[in-house]
C-alpha atoms as a PDB file:
ATOM      1  CA  MET A   1       0.000   0.000   0.000  1.00  0.00           C
ATOM      2  CA  LYS A   2       2.844   2.355   0.845  1.00  0.00           C
ATOM      3  CA  ILE A   3       4.426   1.668  -2.548  1.00  0.00           C
ATOM      4  CA  LEU A   4       1.123   2.363  -4.349  1.00  0.00           C
ATOM      5  CA  THR A   5       0.642   5.572  -2.378  1.00  0.00           C
ATOM      6  CA  GLY A   6       4.152   6.654  -3.276  1.00  0.00           C
ATOM      7  CA  ILE A   7       3.541   5.990  -6.980  1.00  0.00           C
ATOM      8  CA  LEU A   8       0.285   7.990  -6.988  1.00  0.00           C
ATOM      9  CA  THR A   9       1.983  10.857  -5.186  1.00  0.00           C
ATOM     10  CA  ALA A  10       4.778  10.854  -7.750  1.00  0.00           C
ATOM     11  CA  ILE A  11       2.288  10.890 -10.625  1.00  0.00           C
ATOM     12  CA  LEU A  12       0.375  13.818  -9.124  1.00  0.00           C
ATOM     13  CA  PHE A  13       3.624  15.704  -8.627  1.00  0.00           C
ATOM     14  CA  VAL A  14       5.179  14.957 -12.025  1.00  0.00           C
ATOM     15  CA  CYS A  15       2.121  15.461 -14.304  1.00  0.00           C
ATOM     16  CA  PRO A  16       1.917  19.242 -13.771  1.00  0.00           C
ATOM     17  CA  LEU A  17       5.598  19.432 -14.616  1.00  0.00           C
ATOM     18  CA  LEU A  18       5.073  17.471 -17.810  1.00  0.00           C
ATOM     19  CA  ALA A  19       2.151  19.567 -19.091  1.00  0.00           C
ATOM     20  CA  GLN A  20       2.014  23.308 -18.544  1.00  0.00           C
ATOM     21  CA  ASP A  21      -1.348  24.567 -19.813  1.00  0.00           C
ATOM     22  CA  PRO A  22      -0.803  28.224 -20.798  1.00  0.00           C
ATOM     23  CA  ALA A  23      -4.300  29.254 -19.642  1.00  0.00           C
ATOM     24  CA  ARG A  24      -3.726  27.794 -16.182  1.00  0.00           C
ATOM     25  CA  LEU A  25      -0.080  28.747 -15.973  1.00  0.00           C
ATOM     26  CA  ASP A  26      -0.619  32.427 -16.808  1.00  0.00           C
ATOM     27  CA  PRO A  27      -4.310  33.439 -16.654  1.00  0.00           C
ATOM     28  CA  ARG A  28      -3.371  37.131 -16.551  1.00  0.00           C
ATOM     29  CA  HIS A  29      -2.030  36.974 -20.113  1.00  0.00           C
ATOM     30  CA  VAL A  30      -3.933  33.970 -21.525  1.00  0.00           C
ATOM     31  CA  GLN A  31      -7.728  33.592 -21.529  1.00  0.00           C
ATOM     32  CA  ILE A  32      -9.934  30.826 -22.923  1.00  0.00           C
ATOM     33  CA  LEU A  33     -12.490  32.315 -25.335  1.00  0.00           C
ATOM     34  CA  LEU A  34     -14.227  29.104 -26.355  1.00  0.00           C
ATOM     35  CA  GLU A  35     -13.665  25.358 -26.310  1.00  0.00           C
ATOM     36  CA  ASN A  36     -15.292  22.250 -27.752  1.00  0.00           C
ATOM     37  CA  ASP A  37     -14.243  18.699 -28.602  1.00  0.00           C
ATOM     38  CA  ARG A  38     -12.158  19.835 -31.593  1.00  0.00           C
ATOM     39  CA  VAL A  39     -10.563  23.166 -30.727  1.00  0.00           C
ATOM     40  CA  ARG A  40      -9.704  25.544 -27.938  1.00  0.00           C
ATOM     41  CA  VAL A  41      -9.438  29.257 -28.678  1.00  0.00           C
ATOM     42  CA  LEU A  42      -7.148  31.416 -26.547  1.00  0.00           C
ATOM     43  CA  ARG A  43      -6.668  35.176 -26.410  1.00  0.00           C
ATOM     44  CA  LEU A  44      -3.111  36.206 -25.593  1.00  0.00           C
ATOM     45  CA  SER A  45      -2.652  39.797 -24.428  1.00  0.00           C
ATOM     46  CA  LEU A  46       0.958  40.669 -23.629  1.00  0.00           C
ATOM     47  CA  PRO A  47       1.900  44.216 -22.515  1.00  0.00           C
ATOM     48  CA  PRO A  48       5.343  45.659 -23.356  1.00  0.00           C
ATOM     49  CA  ARG A  49       8.324  43.935 -21.713  1.00  0.00           C
ATOM     50  CA  GLU A  50       6.182  41.230 -20.137  1.00  0.00           C
ATOM     51  CA  LYS A  51       6.531  37.459 -20.551  1.00  0.00           C
ATOM     52  CA  ILE A  52       4.457  34.301 -20.697  1.00  0.00           C
ATOM     53  CA  PRO A  53       6.526  31.551 -19.013  1.00  0.00           C
ATOM     54  CA  PRO A  54       7.323  28.349 -20.943  1.00  0.00           C
ATOM     55  CA  ALA A  55       3.978  26.695 -21.692  1.00  0.00           C
ATOM     56  CA  ASP A  56       2.795  23.690 -23.689  1.00  0.00           C
ATOM     57  CA  PHE A  57       0.713  24.722 -26.673  1.00  0.00           C
ATOM     58  CA  LEU A  58      -1.147  22.177 -28.776  1.00  0.00           C
ATOM     59  CA  PRO A  59      -0.735  22.429 -32.558  1.00  0.00           C
ATOM     60  CA  SER A  60      -2.068  25.918 -33.172  1.00  0.00           C
ATOM     61  CA  VAL A  61      -2.767  28.719 -35.598  1.00  0.00           C
ATOM     62  CA  PHE A  62      -1.723  32.078 -34.157  1.00  0.00           C
ATOM     63  CA  PHE A  63      -3.461  35.123 -35.638  1.00  0.00           C
ATOM     64  CA  PHE A  64      -1.830  38.458 -34.757  1.00  0.00           C
ATOM     65  CA  PHE A  65      -4.348  41.288 -34.406  1.00  0.00           C
ATOM     66  CA  THR A  66      -1.419  43.651 -33.801  1.00  0.00           C
ATOM     67  CA  SER A  67       2.147  43.866 -35.010  1.00  0.00           C
ATOM     68  CA  ALA A  68       4.599  42.251 -32.617  1.00  0.00           C
ATOM     69  CA  ARG A  69       8.209  42.029 -31.641  1.00  0.00           C
ATOM     70  CA  LEU A  70       7.944  38.609 -30.067  1.00  0.00           C
ATOM     71  CA  ASN A  71      10.997  36.612 -28.970  1.00  0.00           C
ATOM     72  CA  ARG A  72      13.139  38.806 -31.255  1.00  0.00           C
ATOM     73  CA  GLU A  73      10.924  38.119 -34.306  1.00  0.00           C
ATOM     74  CA  GLU A  74       9.227  41.037 -36.039  1.00  0.00           C
ATOM     75  CA  ILE A  75       5.661  40.020 -36.977  1.00  0.00           C
ATOM     76  CA  PRO A  76       3.243  42.274 -38.890  1.00  0.00           C
ATOM     77  CA  ALA A  77      -0.371  42.795 -37.896  1.00  0.00           C
ATOM     78  CA  ARG A  78      -2.828  40.237 -39.331  1.00  0.00           C
ATOM     79  CA  ALA A  79      -0.048  37.679 -39.765  1.00  0.00           C
ATOM     80  CA  LEU A  80      -0.729  33.958 -39.429  1.00  0.00           C
ATOM     81  CA  ARG A  81       1.648  31.442 -37.888  1.00  0.00           C
ATOM     82  CA  PHE A  82       1.202  27.694 -37.542  1.00  0.00           C
ATOM     83  CA  LEU A  83       2.992  26.251 -34.517  1.00  0.00           C
ATOM     84  CA  ARG A  84       3.551  22.555 -33.948  1.00  0.00           C
ATOM     85  CA  PRO A  85       3.150  21.135 -30.424  1.00  0.00           C
ATOM     86  CA  SER A  86       5.922  22.535 -28.284  1.00  0.00           C
ATOM     87  CA  ARG A  87       6.830  24.205 -25.027  1.00  0.00           C
ATOM     88  CA  ARG A  88       7.798  27.817 -25.559  1.00  0.00           C
ATOM     89  CA  PRO A  89       8.105  31.070 -23.618  1.00  0.00           C
ATOM     90  CA  MET A  90       6.842  34.332 -25.090  1.00  0.00           C
ATOM     91  CA  GLU A  91       8.337  37.746 -24.433  1.00  0.00           C
ATOM     92  CA  ASN A  92       7.086  41.064 -25.790  1.00  0.00           C
ATOM     93  CA  LEU A  93      10.209  43.034 -26.697  1.00  0.00           C
ATOM     94  CA  GLY A  94       8.213  45.896 -28.235  1.00  0.00           C
ATOM     95  CA  ASP A  95       6.634  49.047 -26.878  1.00  0.00           C
ATOM     96  CA  ALA A  96       2.950  48.181 -27.466  1.00  0.00           C
ATOM     97  CA  THR A  97       0.632  45.451 -26.199  1.00  0.00           C
ATOM     98  CA  ILE A  98       0.518  42.354 -28.421  1.00  0.00           C
ATOM     99  CA  GLU A  99      -2.929  40.872 -29.125  1.00  0.00           C
ATOM    100  CA  ILE A 100      -3.055  37.305 -30.466  1.00  0.00           C
ATOM    101  CA  VAL A 101      -5.785  34.721 -30.993  1.00  0.00           C
ATOM    102  CA  ALA A 102      -4.505  31.146 -30.802  1.00  0.00           C
ATOM    103  CA  VAL A 103      -6.670  28.317 -32.164  1.00  0.00           C
ATOM    104  CA  GLU A 104      -5.438  25.024 -30.695  1.00  0.00           C
ATOM    105  CA  PHE A 105      -6.316  21.733 -32.408  1.00  0.00           C
ATOM    106  CA  LYS A 106      -7.009  18.816 -30.111  1.00  0.00           C
ATOM    107  CA  ASN A 107      -5.890  16.141 -32.556  1.00  0.00           C
ATOM    108  CA  LYS A 108      -2.201  16.115 -31.670  1.00  0.00           C
ATOM    109  CA  ALA A 109      -1.270  13.969 -34.661  1.00  0.00           C
ATOM    110  CA  PRO A 110      -2.085  14.976 -38.248  1.00  0.00           C
ATOM    111  CA  GLN A 111      -5.030  13.163 -39.782  1.00  0.00           C
ATOM    112  CA  LYS A 112      -6.333  12.625 -43.286  1.00  0.00           C
ATOM    113  CA  SER A 113      -9.526  14.477 -44.170  1.00  0.00           C
ATOM    114  CA  PRO A 114     -12.482  13.220 -46.169  1.00  0.00           C
ATOM    115  CA  ALA A 115     -12.615  14.780 -49.601  1.00  0.00           C
ATOM    116  CA  PHE A 116     -14.260  18.193 -49.846  1.00  0.00           C
ATOM    117  CA  PRO A 117     -16.792  18.247 -52.714  1.00  0.00           C
ATOM    118  CA  GLY A 118     -14.958  20.326 -55.302  1.00  0.00           C
ATOM    119  CA  ASP A 119     -18.125  21.835 -56.791  1.00  0.00           C
ATOM    120  CA  ARG A 120     -19.008  23.318 -53.375  1.00  0.00           C
ATOM    121  CA  ASP A 121     -15.575  24.067 -51.917  1.00  0.00           C
ATOM    122  CA  PRO A 122     -15.329  27.871 -51.596  1.00  0.00           C
ATOM    123  CA  ALA A 123     -11.553  27.757 -52.109  1.00  0.00           C
ATOM    124  CA  ILE A 124     -12.199  26.305 -55.584  1.00  0.00           C
ATOM    125  CA  LEU A 125     -15.672  27.622 -56.405  1.00  0.00           C
ATOM    126  CA  ASP A 126     -15.085  31.290 -55.565  1.00  0.00           C
ATOM    127  CA  ARG A 127     -11.445  32.362 -55.493  1.00  0.00           C
ATOM    128  CA  THR A 128     -12.539  35.988 -55.827  1.00  0.00           C
ATOM    129  CA  HIS A 129     -13.886  36.032 -52.280  1.00  0.00           C
ATOM    130  CA  PHE A 130     -11.986  33.154 -50.630  1.00  0.00           C
ATOM    131  CA  LYS A 131      -8.203  33.056 -50.533  1.00  0.00           C
ATOM    132  CA  LEU A 132      -6.316  30.020 -49.235  1.00  0.00           C
ATOM    133  CA  ASP A 133      -3.857  31.336 -46.642  1.00  0.00           C
ATOM    134  CA  LEU A 134      -2.633  28.119 -45.045  1.00  0.00           C
ATOM    135  CA  GLN A 135      -3.204  24.396 -45.329  1.00  0.00           C
ATOM    136  CA  ASN A 136      -1.614  21.427 -43.607  1.00  0.00           C
ATOM    137  CA  ASP A 137      -2.622  18.162 -41.921  1.00  0.00           C
ATOM    138  CA  TRP A 138      -4.144  19.967 -38.936  1.00  0.00           C
ATOM    139  CA  CYS A 139      -6.161  22.739 -40.533  1.00  0.00           C
ATOM    140  CA  ARG A 140      -7.051  24.947 -43.469  1.00  0.00           C
ATOM    141  CA  VAL A 141      -7.247  28.741 -43.218  1.00  0.00           C
ATOM    142  CA  LEU A 142      -9.264  30.865 -45.645  1.00  0.00           C
ATOM    143  CA  ASP A 143      -9.271  34.654 -45.949  1.00  0.00           C
ATOM    144  CA  PHE A 144     -12.818  35.794 -46.783  1.00  0.00           C
ATOM    145  CA  HIS A 145     -13.231  39.220 -48.361  1.00  0.00           C
ATOM    146  CA  VAL A 146     -16.406  40.644 -49.916  1.00  0.00           C
ATOM    147  CA  GLY A 147     -17.023  44.188 -51.112  1.00  0.00           C
ATOM    148  CA  PRO A 148     -20.014  46.446 -50.382  1.00  0.00           C
ATOM    149  CA  SER A 149     -23.300  45.000 -51.707  1.00  0.00           C
ATOM    150  CA  GLU A 150     -21.485  42.051 -53.334  1.00  0.00           C
ATOM    151  CA  ALA A 151     -22.993  38.567 -53.462  1.00  0.00           C
ATOM    152  CA  VAL A 152     -21.248  35.255 -52.815  1.00  0.00           C
ATOM    153  CA  PRO A 153     -22.723  32.178 -54.557  1.00  0.00           C
ATOM    154  CA  MET A 154     -23.891  29.067 -52.728  1.00  0.00           C
ATOM    155  CA  HIS A 155     -20.947  27.191 -51.197  1.00  0.00           C
ATOM    156  CA  LEU A 156     -20.214  24.637 -48.488  1.00  0.00           C
ATOM    157  CA  HIS A 157     -18.298  25.290 -45.285  1.00  0.00           C
ATOM    158  CA  ALA A 158     -16.915  22.702 -42.897  1.00  0.00           C
ATOM    159  CA  ASP A 159     -17.024  23.217 -39.124  1.00  0.00           C
ATOM    160  CA  ARG A 160     -14.859  26.264 -38.468  1.00  0.00           C
ATOM    161  CA  ILE A 161     -13.715  29.130 -36.311  1.00  0.00           C
ATOM    162  CA  VAL A 162     -14.669  32.569 -37.699  1.00  0.00           C
ATOM    163  CA  ILE A 163     -12.580  35.610 -36.733  1.00  0.00           C
ATOM    164  CA  ALA A 164     -14.287  38.863 -37.752  1.00  0.00           C
ATOM    165  CA  LEU A 165     -11.735  41.460 -38.843  1.00  0.00           C
ATOM    166  CA  THR A 166     -14.358  44.113 -39.653  1.00  0.00           C
ATOM    167  CA  ASP A 167     -17.919  44.913 -38.722  1.00  0.00           C
ATOM    168  CA  ALA A 168     -20.233  42.986 -41.002  1.00  0.00           C
ATOM    169  CA  ASN A 169     -23.867  43.185 -42.077  1.00  0.00           C
ATOM    170  CA  TYR A 170     -25.051  40.589 -44.572  1.00  0.00           C
ATOM    171  CA  ARG A 171     -27.846  38.234 -45.535  1.00  0.00           C
ATOM    172  CA  LEU A 172     -27.015  34.580 -44.909  1.00  0.00           C
ATOM    173  CA  MET A 173     -29.161  32.429 -47.206  1.00  0.00           C
ATOM    174  CA  ARG A 174     -29.372  28.709 -46.380  1.00  0.00           C
ATOM    175  CA  PRO A 175     -31.692  26.259 -48.144  1.00  0.00           C
ATOM    176  CA  LYS A 176     -32.811  24.664 -44.876  1.00  0.00           C
ATOM    177  CA  TYR A 177     -33.266  27.814 -42.789  1.00  0.00           C
ATOM    178  CA  GLY A 178     -34.094  30.571 -45.262  1.00  0.00           C
ATOM    179  CA  THR A 179     -32.556  34.036 -44.938  1.00  0.00           C
ATOM    180  CA  THR A 180     -30.919  35.298 -41.745  1.00  0.00           C
ATOM    181  CA  LEU A 181     -29.734  38.878 -41.201  1.00  0.00           C
ATOM    182  CA  VAL A 182     -26.260  38.817 -39.625  1.00  0.00           C
ATOM    183  CA  ASP A 183     -24.807  41.719 -37.641  1.00  0.00           C
ATOM    184  CA  ALA A 184     -21.220  40.933 -36.566  1.00  0.00           C
ATOM    185  CA  ARG A 185     -18.620  43.131 -34.894  1.00  0.00           C
ATOM    186  CA  ALA A 186     -14.901  43.345 -35.535  1.00  0.00           C
ATOM    187  CA  GLY A 187     -12.998  41.134 -33.116  1.00  0.00           C
ATOM    188  CA  GLU A 188     -15.818  38.611 -32.604  1.00  0.00           C
ATOM    189  CA  ILE A 189     -14.713  34.976 -32.620  1.00  0.00           C
ATOM    190  CA  THR A 190     -17.304  32.252 -33.130  1.00  0.00           C
ATOM    191  CA  TRP A 191     -17.602  28.541 -33.859  1.00  0.00           C
ATOM    192  CA  ARG A 192     -19.803  27.741 -36.864  1.00  0.00           C
ATOM    193  CA  PRO A 193     -21.026  24.260 -37.792  1.00  0.00           C
ATOM    194  CA  ALA A 194     -20.917  22.955 -41.341  1.00  0.00           C
ATOM    195  CA  GLU A 195     -23.415  24.716 -43.575  1.00  0.00           C
ATOM    196  CA  LEU A 196     -24.427  25.260 -47.177  1.00  0.00           C
ATOM    197  CA  ALA A 197     -24.985  28.975 -47.712  1.00  0.00           C
ATOM    198  CA  ALA A 198     -24.912  32.005 -49.984  1.00  0.00           C
ATOM    199  CA  ILE A 199     -24.113  35.522 -48.777  1.00  0.00           C
ATOM    200  CA  GLU A 200     -25.257  38.968 -49.835  1.00  0.00           C
ATOM    201  CA  SER A 201     -23.445  41.896 -48.231  1.00  0.00           C
ATOM    202  CA  THR A 202     -25.562  44.793 -46.959  1.00  0.00           C
ATOM    203  CA  SER A 203     -22.530  46.654 -45.556  1.00  0.00           C
ATOM    204  CA  SER A 204     -21.280  49.950 -46.961  1.00  0.00           C
ATOM    205  CA  HIS A 205     -17.678  48.750 -46.561  1.00  0.00           C
ATOM    206  CA  SER A 206     -15.722  45.580 -47.291  1.00  0.00           C
ATOM    207  CA  ILE A 207     -16.210  42.594 -44.993  1.00  0.00           C
ATOM    208  CA  GLU A 208     -13.165  40.589 -43.933  1.00  0.00           C
ATOM    209  CA  GLN A 209     -13.057  37.365 -41.956  1.00  0.00           C
ATOM    210  CA  ILE A 210     -10.555  34.605 -41.227  1.00  0.00           C
ATOM    211  CA  LEU A 211     -12.003  31.078 -41.409  1.00  0.00           C
ATOM    212  CA  ILE A 212     -10.066  28.302 -39.651  1.00  0.00           C
ATOM    213  CA  GLU A 213     -11.235  24.766 -40.452  1.00  0.00           C
ATOM    214  CA  PRO A 214      -9.874  21.911 -38.294  1.00  0.00           C
ATOM    215  CA  ARG A 215      -8.932  18.708 -40.049  1.00  0.00           C
ATOM    216  CA  PRO A 216     -10.253  16.175 -40.673  1.00  0.00           C
ATOM    217  CA  PHE A 217     -12.979  18.342 -42.207  1.00  0.00           C
ATOM    218  CA  SER A 218     -16.390  17.857 -40.635  1.00  0.00           C
ATOM    219  CA  LEU A 219     -19.116  18.465 -43.217  1.00  0.00           C
ATOM    220  CA  GLY A 220     -22.029  17.181 -41.141  1.00  0.00           C
ATOM    221  CA  PRO A 221     -25.064  16.240 -43.239  1.00  0.00           C
ATOM    222  CA  PHE A 222     -23.353  17.636 -46.357  1.00  0.00           C
ATOM    223  CA  ALA A 223     -20.550  15.035 -46.426  1.00  0.00           C
ATOM    224  CA  PRO A 224     -20.434  12.933 -49.603  1.00  0.00           C
ATOM    225  CA  LYS A 225     -22.177   9.598 -49.106  1.00  0.00           C
ATOM    226  CA  GLU A 226     -19.469   7.859 -51.094  1.00  0.00           C
ATOM    227  CA  PRO A 227     -15.795   8.868 -51.128  1.00  0.00           C
ATOM    228  CA  PRO A 228     -14.739  10.225 -54.523  1.00  0.00           C
ATOM    229  CA  LYS A 229     -12.797   7.776 -56.637  1.00  0.00           C
ATOM    230  CA  ALA A 230      -9.143   8.472 -57.231  1.00  0.00           C
ATOM    231  CA  PRO A 231      -8.261   9.255 -60.855  1.00  0.00           C
ATOM    232  CA  PRO A 232      -6.676   6.314 -62.733  1.00  0.00           C
ATOM    233  CA  ARG A 233      -2.909   6.229 -62.746  1.00  0.00           C
ATOM    234  CA  ARG A 234      -1.153   6.879 -65.982  1.00  0.00           C
ATOM    235  CA  ARG A 235       1.006   4.062 -67.278  1.00  0.00           C
END
């Protein structure tokens, strides 16, 4: 019994040393904005000359709302960085507060995604409004940009995080739910389930959003019933 007690005590003592959750380690600088079974979204706010101690981040996309001089690297505002799982400190070497949104992916190992129907994939269907910023085995990141009073044709989105870079007013038209009037504010961060939709801007300015889709893609009821066949190999 004494041996068992000693083992349990050792486990309870060692586990915190092995995993340093940034939100628990430094809640003054790191806040949890939302969390579900696929992602956790953190807001990092780091005043000048302050540090976040070494913490264990899951594979993550970092979106920089502000420019940053972070750990001696100069990073422009609205930059994206993908970080593999690692323990790292963060130090603001600049003269202004750094604001970052970190989207952590809970699948620690890369996974293959089901095929995205090409005739509904916004990155293929509408490259005018959707720009592919980043893609790897953990995620895909799209930059969505639509001008005043512009319309976006029907397209399919996987489950995703939406980061609003501007205020936005638009009509969201979905076959199952009809038309919804959306009023979003710059800086809002939301989780959206898979949906088939068209958009019509009612804003007097351009709308900009960052869409972060975890992999494997989750298309919900819109997933193909049969996986697409691979093209025949050339001999």
